[in-house]
Amino acid sequence: MTGKQQFILILILGALSTISPVSIDMYLPGFPAIAEDLQTTIPMVQLSLTSYFIGIAAGQLLYGPLLDRFGRKRPLYAGLVVYIIASLGCAFTNSANGFIVMRFLQAIGGCAGMVAAQTLVRDLFPANKTAQAFSWMTLVVAISPMIAPAVGGYVTVAFGWHAVFVILAFLAVIIIAGIYLVLPLGKGPDASLSLLPKPVLKNFYYVLSQKQFLLYTIAGGVATAAPFAYIAGSADVFMNIYHVSEKEYGWIFACIAFVIIGSTQLNHALLKRYRSQQIIKASLMYQSCVGLVLILGTWFNWFDKIDLIVLIALFLAGHGLTNPNSTALSLAPFSNHTGSAASLAGSFRMAMGGIASGLVSAFHNGTSMPMIAIMVLCIIGGLTILIVGGSAFKMNERRSVIEEDDPGVL
């Protein structure tokens, strides 16, 4: 594969992975306008974010087996069509409950891109290059938060929040064209795989029986829920507590995303000298330290707007290191069950994101503490799981080696 082909491939895969982040980020500046127009509250609008995360978690479990059974493109086309219809439904709904339901359906369709992109990386790149490929994809995905909230803020001011969802539907049409014209097929259909519940569950059980998958999916999933807590609470914190405008909020979001982009580039350099396992552990320890400063500063009211922006950016910089490496390590053990593995890993991450965003909404108290506390707890939880689970994993490996050397050892 030439450098040009790799660039085009990463661009298309990144666009697929970007569908859901853009769907999340672009409508954030419109939260106050949506609440006013639908005659509801900000916490109620935040639940549309939670329903989106739940939809992604559920949808990925569906697409994993479909991508393994029917190949990569057919389920992808079906999901994107659902996404387009649901996006238009979001644009024209007139109730908060209807909006929440449409967001759920939008997620069910859009998550096809996330699962397919991860699966195709495993199909098209050698195992020793997947972490770098995921890092490049993270770079493409990270650009979207720089653009989407700013665009969403301007669109909301100029045309109203409904126009945001019309634009999302149009972007999905463009991505479908790119898939048809450029994207390789990847691994073909496998007629031997059944979609009946028992065989599907058997495949999932096989994936879950791989200790490496389990460790890095759980630790990475809990840790990478931190950005979702930020996404859920940041509009309320900056627009209602610090009184920034929709446009200003978009630029704040973009600046923080720029820092995450920088960390993905740092990951490329680090992978030349360190293993993914080492990078994840160091990143989570760094984030835990910054997170404790955030907790203390928020509790004692040390921060003004700029202080908070800088510290959140430094905190979330770790996401650019943790996410691509944990994803690569989760999928590394698989070749024949990649779709199922990607769907399970992605589903767990989004479930954790849904829980984190739901907790931000549930503990809403007019301060930034619910958002900050949940962000930090996610990181500390991920680090704890990684350390404890990693120790248990190594202990089991040593025990297996001893038993192989001396079959009489119990």
Protein backbone atom coordinates (compact mmCIF):
# COMPACT_ATOMS: atom_id res chain seq x y z
CA MET A 1 0.00 0.00 0.00
CA THR A 2 1.52 3.34 -1.07
CA GLY A 3 1.67 6.40 1.14
CA LYS A 4 -1.02 8.11 -0.92
CA GLN A 5 -3.33 5.10 -0.64
CA GLN A 6 -2.78 4.98 3.13
CA PHE A 7 -3.58 8.69 3.40
CA ILE A 8 -6.85 8.33 1.46
CA LEU A 9 -7.78 5.23 3.43
CA ILE A 10 -7.15 6.90 6.80
CA LEU A 11 -9.14 9.92 5.64
CA ILE A 12 -12.19 7.82 4.76
CA LEU A 13 -11.94 5.70 7.90
CA GLY A 14 -11.52 8.85 9.96
CA ALA A 15 -14.62 10.34 8.34
CA LEU A 16 -16.58 7.23 9.30
CA SER A 17 -15.32 7.46 12.87
CA THR A 18 -16.16 11.17 12.92
CA ILE A 19 -19.89 10.74 12.26
CA SER A 20 -20.76 10.26 15.91
CA PRO A 21 -18.36 12.87 17.37
CA VAL A 22 -19.68 15.49 14.95
CA SER A 23 -23.25 14.48 15.80
CA ILE A 24 -22.41 15.09 19.44
CA ASP A 25 -20.28 18.22 19.19
CA MET A 26 -22.12 20.21 16.55
CA TYR A 27 -25.36 20.61 18.48
CA LEU A 28 -23.82 21.43 21.88
CA PRO A 29 -23.90 25.23 21.39
CA GLY A 30 -27.63 24.91 20.68
CA PHE A 31 -28.51 23.44 24.10
CA PRO A 32 -30.09 26.66 25.47
CA ALA A 33 -31.96 27.28 22.20
CA ILE A 34 -33.22 23.68 22.05
CA ALA A 35 -34.40 23.85 25.66
CA GLU A 36 -36.24 27.10 25.00
CA ASP A 37 -37.77 25.97 21.70
CA LEU A 38 -38.95 22.61 23.03
CA GLN A 39 -40.08 24.20 26.30
CA THR A 40 -37.88 22.04 28.48
CA THR A 41 -34.78 22.29 30.71
CA ILE A 42 -31.04 21.99 30.09
CA PRO A 43 -30.82 18.70 32.07
CA MET A 44 -33.60 17.33 29.83
CA VAL A 45 -31.65 18.31 26.71
CA GLN A 46 -28.58 16.67 28.25
CA LEU A 47 -30.58 13.43 28.32
CA SER A 48 -30.63 13.53 24.51
CA LEU A 49 -26.87 13.15 24.77
CA THR A 50 -27.27 10.21 27.13
CA SER A 51 -29.78 8.57 24.78
CA TYR A 52 -27.27 9.02 21.95
CA PHE A 53 -24.56 7.21 23.91
CA ILE A 54 -26.97 4.42 24.80
CA GLY A 55 -27.92 4.09 21.13
CA ILE A 56 -24.26 3.81 20.14
CA ALA A 57 -23.65 1.17 22.81
CA ALA A 58 -26.64 -0.91 21.68
CA GLY A 59 -26.04 -0.41 17.96
CA GLN A 60 -22.44 -1.56 18.04
CA LEU A 61 -23.49 -4.94 19.43
CA LEU A 62 -25.76 -5.23 16.40
CA TYR A 63 -23.23 -4.21 13.75
CA GLY A 64 -20.34 -6.40 14.90
CA PRO A 65 -21.98 -9.69 13.87
CA LEU A 66 -23.48 -8.09 10.74
CA LEU A 67 -20.07 -6.87 9.56
CA ASP A 68 -18.58 -10.33 10.09
CA ARG A 69 -21.47 -12.10 8.35
CA PHE A 70 -22.24 -9.80 5.38
CA GLY A 71 -18.90 -8.08 4.87
CA ARG A 72 -18.09 -4.48 5.70
CA LYS A 73 -20.04 -2.33 3.26
CA ARG A 74 -23.63 -3.58 3.21
CA PRO A 75 -24.31 -3.09 6.94
CA LEU A 76 -22.49 0.22 6.72
CA TYR A 77 -24.81 1.52 3.99
CA ALA A 78 -27.89 0.40 5.95
CA GLY A 79 -26.73 2.14 9.11
CA LEU A 80 -26.00 5.42 7.35
CA VAL A 81 -29.45 5.46 5.76
CA VAL A 82 -31.00 5.09 9.24
CA TYR A 83 -28.73 7.91 10.43
CA ILE A 84 -29.92 10.25 7.66
CA ILE A 85 -33.60 9.59 8.36
CA ALA A 86 -33.15 10.06 12.13
CA SER A 87 -31.15 13.28 11.62
CA LEU A 88 -34.03 14.77 9.68
CA GLY A 89 -36.36 13.51 12.42
CA CYS A 90 -34.29 15.46 14.99
CA ALA A 91 -34.55 18.59 12.84
CA PHE A 92 -38.33 18.51 12.62
CA THR A 93 -39.39 17.16 16.03
CA ASN A 94 -41.47 19.42 18.26
CA SER A 95 -41.12 17.75 21.67
CA ALA A 96 -38.29 16.98 24.07
CA ASN A 97 -39.24 13.31 24.29
CA GLY A 98 -39.41 13.01 20.51
CA PHE A 99 -36.01 14.67 20.24
CA ILE A 100 -34.50 12.18 22.72
CA VAL A 101 -35.94 9.23 20.77
CA MET A 102 -34.67 10.57 17.43
CA ARG A 103 -31.21 11.03 18.91
CA PHE A 104 -31.27 7.39 20.00
CA LEU A 105 -32.16 6.27 16.46
CA GLN A 106 -29.55 8.61 14.99
CA ALA A 107 -26.94 6.89 17.16
CA ILE A 108 -28.13 3.42 16.11
CA GLY A 109 -27.47 4.35 12.50
CA GLY A 110 -24.30 6.40 12.95
CA CYS A 111 -22.43 3.87 15.07
CA ALA A 112 -22.13 1.63 12.00
CA GLY A 113 -19.32 3.93 10.89
CA MET A 114 -17.43 3.57 14.15
CA VAL A 115 -17.50 -0.25 14.18
CA ALA A 116 -16.76 -0.56 10.47
CA ALA A 117 -13.80 1.84 10.69
CA GLN A 118 -12.16 -0.09 13.54
CA THR A 119 -12.82 -3.40 11.81
CA LEU A 120 -11.33 -2.18 8.52
CA VAL A 121 -8.16 -1.00 10.26
CA ARG A 122 -7.67 -4.54 11.52
CA ASP A 123 -8.47 -5.88 8.01
CA LEU A 124 -6.21 -3.58 6.02
CA PHE A 125 -3.20 -2.90 8.26
CA PRO A 126 -0.68 -5.37 9.72
CA ALA A 127 -0.93 -5.98 13.48
CA ASN A 128 2.24 -4.02 14.25
CA LYS A 129 0.83 -0.95 12.46
CA THR A 130 -2.68 -0.83 13.95
CA ALA A 131 -1.78 1.44 16.90
CA GLN A 132 -0.29 3.98 14.48
CA ALA A 133 -3.30 3.68 12.17
CA PHE A 134 -5.68 4.25 15.10
CA SER A 135 -3.57 7.21 16.17
CA TRP A 136 -3.86 8.78 12.69
CA MET A 137 -7.60 8.13 12.78
CA THR A 138 -7.79 9.78 16.20
CA LEU A 139 -6.09 12.80 14.62
CA VAL A 140 -8.79 12.99 11.93
CA VAL A 141 -11.52 12.51 14.55
CA ALA A 142 -9.93 15.11 16.83
CA ILE A 143 -10.16 17.74 14.10
CA SER A 144 -13.96 17.50 14.17
CA PRO A 145 -14.34 19.01 17.67
CA MET A 146 -12.28 21.96 16.46
CA ILE A 147 -14.72 22.60 13.65
CA ALA A 148 -18.08 21.15 14.68
CA PRO A 149 -18.92 23.26 17.76
CA ALA A 150 -17.77 26.48 16.10
CA VAL A 151 -19.82 25.68 12.99
CA GLY A 152 -22.73 24.60 15.19
CA GLY A 153 -22.59 27.90 17.09
CA TYR A 154 -22.65 30.01 13.93
CA VAL A 155 -25.36 27.86 12.31
CA THR A 156 -27.52 28.02 15.46
CA VAL A 157 -27.23 31.81 15.60
CA ALA A 158 -27.84 32.30 11.86
CA PHE A 159 -30.42 29.61 11.01
CA GLY A 160 -31.55 27.99 14.26
CA TRP A 161 -30.60 24.66 15.83
CA HIS A 162 -32.78 22.67 13.39
CA ALA A 163 -30.36 23.47 10.57
CA VAL A 164 -27.57 21.63 12.41
CA PHE A 165 -29.32 18.29 11.91
CA VAL A 166 -30.09 18.99 8.24
CA ILE A 167 -26.35 19.58 7.73
CA LEU A 168 -25.52 16.31 9.52
CA ALA A 169 -27.84 14.41 7.17
CA PHE A 170 -26.16 16.02 4.15
CA LEU A 171 -22.68 15.11 5.44
CA ALA A 172 -23.76 11.47 5.75
CA VAL A 173 -24.81 11.49 2.08
CA ILE A 174 -21.32 12.71 1.11
CA ILE A 175 -19.69 9.99 3.23
CA ILE A 176 -21.80 7.30 1.53
CA ALA A 177 -20.50 8.53 -1.83
CA GLY A 178 -16.92 8.33 -0.54
CA ILE A 179 -17.45 4.78 0.71
CA TYR A 180 -18.83 3.67 -2.63
CA LEU A 181 -16.08 5.29 -4.70
CA VAL A 182 -12.94 4.85 -2.56
CA LEU A 183 -13.21 2.50 0.41
CA PRO A 184 -11.81 -1.05 -0.10
CA LEU A 185 -14.10 -3.97 0.66
CA GLY A 186 -11.98 -5.35 3.49
CA LYS A 187 -12.72 -8.87 4.63
CA GLY A 188 -15.56 -10.40 2.62
CA PRO A 189 -18.81 -12.00 3.83
CA ASP A 190 -18.54 -15.20 5.85
CA ALA A 191 -21.59 -17.37 5.21
CA SER A 192 -20.46 -19.82 7.90
CA LEU A 193 -21.27 -17.27 10.59
CA SER A 194 -24.82 -17.42 11.86
CA LEU A 195 -26.86 -14.47 13.08
CA LEU A 196 -29.00 -16.64 15.33
CA PRO A 197 -28.70 -15.65 18.99
CA LYS A 198 -26.80 -18.75 20.15
CA PRO A 199 -23.89 -18.53 17.62
CA VAL A 200 -23.68 -14.75 18.01
CA LEU A 201 -23.48 -15.08 21.78
CA LYS A 202 -20.89 -17.84 21.34
CA ASN A 203 -18.73 -15.45 19.28
CA PHE A 204 -19.12 -12.76 21.91
CA TYR A 205 -18.19 -15.27 24.62
CA TYR A 206 -15.05 -16.20 22.70
CA VAL A 207 -14.05 -12.54 22.45
CA LEU A 208 -14.74 -11.95 26.14
CA SER A 209 -12.66 -14.98 27.07
CA GLN A 210 -9.51 -13.26 25.78
CA LYS A 211 -7.90 -11.69 28.85
CA GLN A 212 -6.04 -9.01 26.91
CA PHE A 213 -9.26 -7.86 25.25
CA LEU A 214 -11.07 -7.76 28.58
CA LEU A 215 -8.37 -5.83 30.41
CA TYR A 216 -7.85 -3.07 27.86
CA THR A 217 -11.51 -2.78 26.91
CA ILE A 218 -12.64 -2.27 30.51
CA ALA A 219 -9.76 -0.05 31.63
CA GLY A 220 -9.80 1.96 28.39
CA GLY A 221 -13.59 2.17 28.33
CA VAL A 222 -13.86 3.53 31.87
CA ALA A 223 -11.03 6.03 31.31
CA THR A 224 -12.28 7.28 27.94
CA ALA A 225 -15.68 8.04 29.48
CA ALA A 226 -14.07 11.20 30.93
CA PRO A 227 -14.40 13.21 27.67
CA PHE A 228 -18.10 12.26 27.53
CA ALA A 229 -18.64 13.74 30.99
CA TYR A 230 -16.96 16.90 29.71
CA ILE A 231 -19.13 16.93 26.58
CA ALA A 232 -22.30 16.51 28.64
CA GLY A 233 -21.52 19.28 31.12
CA SER A 234 -19.37 21.79 29.26
CA ALA A 235 -22.17 23.69 27.51
CA ASP A 236 -23.95 24.31 30.81
CA VAL A 237 -20.72 25.14 32.67
CA PHE A 238 -19.35 27.64 30.15
CA MET A 239 -22.60 29.13 28.82
CA ASN A 240 -24.65 29.33 32.03
CA ILE A 241 -21.96 29.66 34.74
CA TYR A 242 -19.28 31.61 32.86
CA HIS A 243 -21.81 33.26 30.48
CA VAL A 244 -19.98 32.74 27.19
CA SER A 245 -21.89 32.96 23.91
CA GLU A 246 -22.64 30.10 21.52
CA LYS A 247 -19.79 31.25 19.26
CA GLU A 248 -17.33 31.61 22.16
CA TYR A 249 -18.23 28.17 23.45
CA GLY A 250 -17.52 26.70 20.02
CA TRP A 251 -14.04 28.21 20.05
CA ILE A 252 -13.35 26.99 23.60
CA PHE A 253 -14.28 23.49 22.50
CA ALA A 254 -12.04 23.86 19.45
CA CYS A 255 -9.04 24.95 21.51
CA ILE A 256 -9.33 21.95 23.81
CA ALA A 257 -9.66 19.67 20.77
CA PHE A 258 -6.46 21.19 19.38
CA VAL A 259 -4.60 20.04 22.49
CA ILE A 260 -5.94 16.50 22.00
CA ILE A 261 -4.66 16.59 18.41
CA GLY A 262 -1.22 17.45 19.72
CA SER A 263 -1.28 14.45 22.05
CA THR A 264 -2.15 12.10 19.18
CA GLN A 265 0.95 13.33 17.38
CA LEU A 266 2.97 12.78 20.54
CA ASN A 267 1.65 9.22 20.53
CA HIS A 268 3.28 8.59 17.13
CA ALA A 269 6.65 9.61 18.53
CA LEU A 270 6.21 7.65 21.76
CA LEU A 271 5.30 4.44 19.92
CA LYS A 272 8.77 4.44 18.37
CA ARG A 273 10.34 4.05 21.82
CA TYR A 274 7.68 2.62 24.11
CA ARG A 275 5.04 -0.10 24.04
CA SER A 276 1.35 0.78 24.03
CA GLN A 277 0.97 -0.76 27.50
CA GLN A 278 3.56 1.64 28.93
CA ILE A 279 2.00 4.68 27.25
CA ILE A 280 -1.49 3.95 28.59
CA LYS A 281 -0.32 3.55 32.18
CA ALA A 282 1.79 6.73 32.13
CA SER A 283 -1.04 8.71 30.50
CA LEU A 284 -3.60 7.66 33.12
CA MET A 285 -1.21 8.49 35.97
CA TYR A 286 -0.62 11.93 34.46
CA GLN A 287 -4.36 12.55 34.07
CA SER A 288 -5.00 11.46 37.65
CA CYS A 289 -2.54 14.09 38.93
CA VAL A 290 -4.08 16.87 36.82
CA GLY A 291 -7.53 15.66 37.83
CA LEU A 292 -6.80 16.04 41.53
CA VAL A 293 -5.77 19.66 40.90
CA LEU A 294 -9.06 20.19 39.05
CA ILE A 295 -11.06 18.75 41.95
CA LEU A 296 -9.30 20.88 44.57
CA GLY A 297 -9.46 24.06 42.49
CA THR A 298 -13.16 23.60 41.76
CA TRP A 299 -13.98 22.84 45.39
CA PHE A 300 -12.15 25.94 46.68
CA ASN A 301 -13.20 28.19 43.76
CA TRP A 302 -9.63 28.85 42.66
CA PHE A 303 -10.34 28.96 38.92
CA ASP A 304 -11.57 31.64 36.62
CA LYS A 305 -12.72 30.79 33.08
CA ILE A 306 -9.23 30.71 31.56
CA ASP A 307 -7.80 28.60 34.40
CA LEU A 308 -10.54 26.03 33.94
CA ILE A 309 -10.09 25.88 30.16
CA VAL A 310 -6.32 25.36 30.46
CA LEU A 311 -6.58 22.63 33.10
CA ILE A 312 -9.35 20.76 31.27
CA ALA A 313 -7.24 20.89 28.09
CA LEU A 314 -4.21 19.49 29.94
CA PHE A 315 -6.39 16.82 31.51
CA LEU A 316 -8.04 15.70 28.27
CA ALA A 317 -4.71 15.64 26.42
CA GLY A 318 -4.29 12.16 27.87
CA HIS A 319 -7.25 10.97 25.79
CA GLY A 320 -5.10 11.20 22.65
CA LEU A 321 -2.72 8.69 24.19
CA THR A 322 -5.10 6.32 25.99
CA ASN A 323 -7.76 5.83 23.33
CA PRO A 324 -5.73 4.66 20.28
CA ASN A 325 -3.45 2.40 22.34
CA SER A 326 -6.24 0.75 24.34
CA THR A 327 -8.22 0.19 21.12
CA ALA A 328 -5.24 -1.41 19.34
CA LEU A 329 -4.45 -3.67 22.31
CA SER A 330 -8.10 -4.72 22.62
CA LEU A 331 -8.31 -5.85 18.99
CA ALA A 332 -4.80 -7.30 18.68
CA PRO A 333 -5.73 -10.92 19.64
CA PHE A 334 -8.28 -11.28 16.81
CA SER A 335 -8.35 -11.98 13.11
CA ASN A 336 -11.61 -13.91 12.52
CA HIS A 337 -13.81 -12.17 15.10
CA THR A 338 -12.68 -8.60 14.58
CA GLY A 339 -16.17 -7.21 13.98
CA SER A 340 -17.55 -8.78 17.14
CA ALA A 341 -14.52 -7.61 19.13
CA ALA A 342 -14.77 -4.05 17.79
CA SER A 343 -18.50 -3.92 18.50
CA LEU A 344 -18.10 -5.18 22.07
CA ALA A 345 -15.23 -2.79 22.79
CA GLY A 346 -17.03 0.16 21.23
CA SER A 347 -20.30 -0.71 22.92
CA PHE A 348 -18.64 -0.79 26.31
CA ARG A 349 -16.92 2.56 25.73
CA MET A 350 -20.17 4.20 24.71
CA ALA A 351 -22.07 2.59 27.59
CA MET A 352 -19.52 4.11 29.94
CA GLY A 353 -19.89 7.42 28.11
CA GLY A 354 -23.67 7.21 28.50
CA ILE A 355 -23.37 6.50 32.22
CA ALA A 356 -20.89 9.36 32.68
CA SER A 357 -23.08 11.85 30.81
CA GLY A 358 -26.18 10.63 32.66
CA LEU A 359 -24.45 11.16 36.01
CA VAL A 360 -23.51 14.71 35.02
CA SER A 361 -27.18 15.37 34.29
CA ALA A 362 -28.40 13.58 37.44
CA PHE A 363 -26.07 15.53 39.76
CA HIS A 364 -26.60 18.87 38.03
CA ASN A 365 -26.45 21.56 40.73
CA GLY A 366 -25.55 24.75 38.90
CA THR A 367 -21.80 24.34 39.47
CA SER A 368 -18.97 22.72 37.50
CA MET A 369 -18.27 20.13 40.22
CA PRO A 370 -20.49 17.29 38.82
CA MET A 371 -18.72 17.47 35.45
CA ILE A 372 -15.21 17.74 36.95
CA ALA A 373 -15.72 15.04 39.59
CA ILE A 374 -17.06 12.48 37.13
CA MET A 375 -14.27 13.20 34.64
CA VAL A 376 -11.64 12.56 37.30
CA LEU A 377 -13.38 9.48 38.72
CA CYS A 378 -13.38 7.92 35.23
CA ILE A 379 -9.61 8.31 34.94
CA ILE A 380 -8.85 7.06 38.45
CA GLY A 381 -11.20 4.12 37.87
CA GLY A 382 -9.49 3.23 34.58
CA LEU A 383 -6.04 3.42 36.17
CA THR A 384 -7.11 1.23 39.09
CA ILE A 385 -8.57 -1.39 36.76
CA LEU A 386 -5.42 -1.35 34.63
CA ILE A 387 -3.08 -1.81 37.59
CA VAL A 388 -5.14 -4.44 39.43
CA GLY A 389 -6.21 -6.29 36.27
CA GLY A 390 -2.72 -6.14 34.79
CA SER A 391 -1.22 -7.64 37.93
CA ALA A 392 -3.79 -10.45 37.92
CA PHE A 393 -3.16 -11.02 34.20
CA LYS A 394 0.61 -11.35 34.75
CA MET A 395 0.08 -13.64 37.74
CA ASN A 396 -2.09 -15.97 35.65
CA GLU A 397 0.53 -15.98 32.88
CA ARG A 398 3.26 -16.95 35.35
CA ARG A 399 1.05 -19.67 36.79
CA SER A 400 0.37 -21.04 33.29
CA VAL A 401 4.10 -21.16 32.55
CA ILE A 402 4.81 -23.01 35.80
CA GLU A 403 2.06 -25.53 35.10
CA GLU A 404 3.41 -26.14 31.59
CA ASP A 405 6.92 -26.69 32.97
CA ASP A 406 5.70 -28.96 35.78
CA PRO A 407 2.34 -30.61 35.05
CA GLY A 408 2.24 -31.84 38.64
CA VAL A 409 1.92 -28.28 40.01
CA LEU A 410 -1.64 -27.46 41.04
